[in-house]
Amino acid sequence: MAIVIKPKKSETAAAVPTTSDIAVGEICINVTDQKIYTRKSDDSIVVIASTTAAGATLQQATAKAVTMAIALG
């Protein structure tokens, strides 16, 4: 049986998650901006992937974020 991973998402331009929106290691995708965010253990919110970063496609960025989220547990 396949496991569905459903990260939090936003379709609002320039919306960035806050520490109250996501837990440490959780990912959030801004579909409009094509950016993937996570919360670090120091409570900072960081972009871990975007389509503007190194020419990555959204699919590549999503795969990288999912791999990181699984590794962070």
Protein backbone atom coordinates (compact mmCIF):
# COMPACT_ATOMS: atom_id res chain seq x y z
CA MET A 1 0.00 0.00 0.00
CA ALA A 2 1.34 3.43 -0.94
CA ILE A 3 1.95 6.03 1.73
CA VAL A 4 0.70 9.51 0.92
CA ILE A 5 2.81 12.39 2.23
CA LYS A 6 0.74 15.57 2.33
CA PRO A 7 2.79 18.61 3.41
CA LYS A 8 1.15 21.84 4.44
CA LYS A 9 0.76 24.28 1.57
CA SER A 10 -0.09 27.85 0.68
CA GLU A 11 -1.20 29.37 -2.61
CA THR A 12 -0.75 32.96 -1.40
CA ALA A 13 2.13 34.84 -3.03
CA ALA A 14 4.99 35.68 -0.65
CA ALA A 15 3.40 33.80 2.26
CA VAL A 16 6.04 32.37 4.60
CA PRO A 17 5.12 29.95 7.41
CA THR A 18 5.68 30.97 11.02
CA THR A 19 6.86 28.84 13.93
CA SER A 20 3.22 28.42 14.96
CA ASP A 21 2.37 27.03 11.49
CA ILE A 22 4.88 24.16 11.31
CA ALA A 23 6.80 21.92 13.71
CA VAL A 24 10.56 21.36 13.66
CA GLY A 25 11.43 19.27 10.59
CA GLU A 26 7.99 19.67 9.03
CA ILE A 27 7.82 21.03 5.50
CA CYS A 28 5.48 23.56 3.94
CA ILE A 29 5.16 24.34 0.24
CA ASN A 30 4.21 27.71 -1.24
CA VAL A 31 2.81 26.61 -4.59
CA THR A 32 2.58 30.12 -6.05
CA ASP A 33 6.19 31.06 -5.21
CA GLN A 34 7.40 27.48 -5.78
CA LYS A 35 9.35 27.42 -2.51
CA ILE A 36 9.62 24.75 0.16
CA TYR A 37 10.20 25.76 3.78
CA THR A 38 11.09 23.94 6.98
CA ARG A 39 11.48 24.87 10.63
CA LYS A 40 14.90 24.26 12.20
CA SER A 41 15.50 23.31 15.83
CA ASP A 42 16.60 26.89 16.57
CA ASP A 43 13.04 27.97 15.56
CA SER A 44 14.14 29.65 12.34
CA ILE A 45 12.14 29.14 9.15
CA VAL A 46 14.35 28.46 6.14
CA VAL A 47 13.85 27.90 2.42
CA ILE A 48 15.19 24.45 1.60
CA ALA A 49 14.25 24.52 -2.07
CA SER A 50 12.90 26.80 -4.75
CA THR A 51 12.69 26.74 -8.52
CA THR A 52 15.02 29.74 -8.59
CA ALA A 53 17.69 27.88 -6.60
CA ALA A 54 20.21 26.29 -8.97
CA GLY A 55 17.58 25.85 -11.69
CA ALA A 56 15.84 23.00 -9.87
CA THR A 57 12.41 22.00 -11.05
CA LEU A 58 9.52 21.91 -8.61
CA GLN A 59 9.50 18.09 -8.81
CA GLN A 60 13.22 17.94 -7.93
CA ALA A 61 12.74 20.42 -5.11
CA THR A 62 9.77 18.49 -3.72
CA ALA A 63 11.68 15.19 -3.86
CA LYS A 64 14.59 16.78 -1.99
CA ALA A 65 12.30 18.25 0.66
CA VAL A 66 10.47 14.96 1.21
CA THR A 67 13.79 13.14 1.56
CA MET A 68 14.96 15.73 4.09
CA ALA A 69 11.70 15.57 6.05
CA ILE A 70 11.91 11.78 6.25
CA ALA A 71 15.54 11.99 7.39
CA LEU A 72 14.68 14.57 10.08
CA GLY A 73 11.88 12.33 11.29
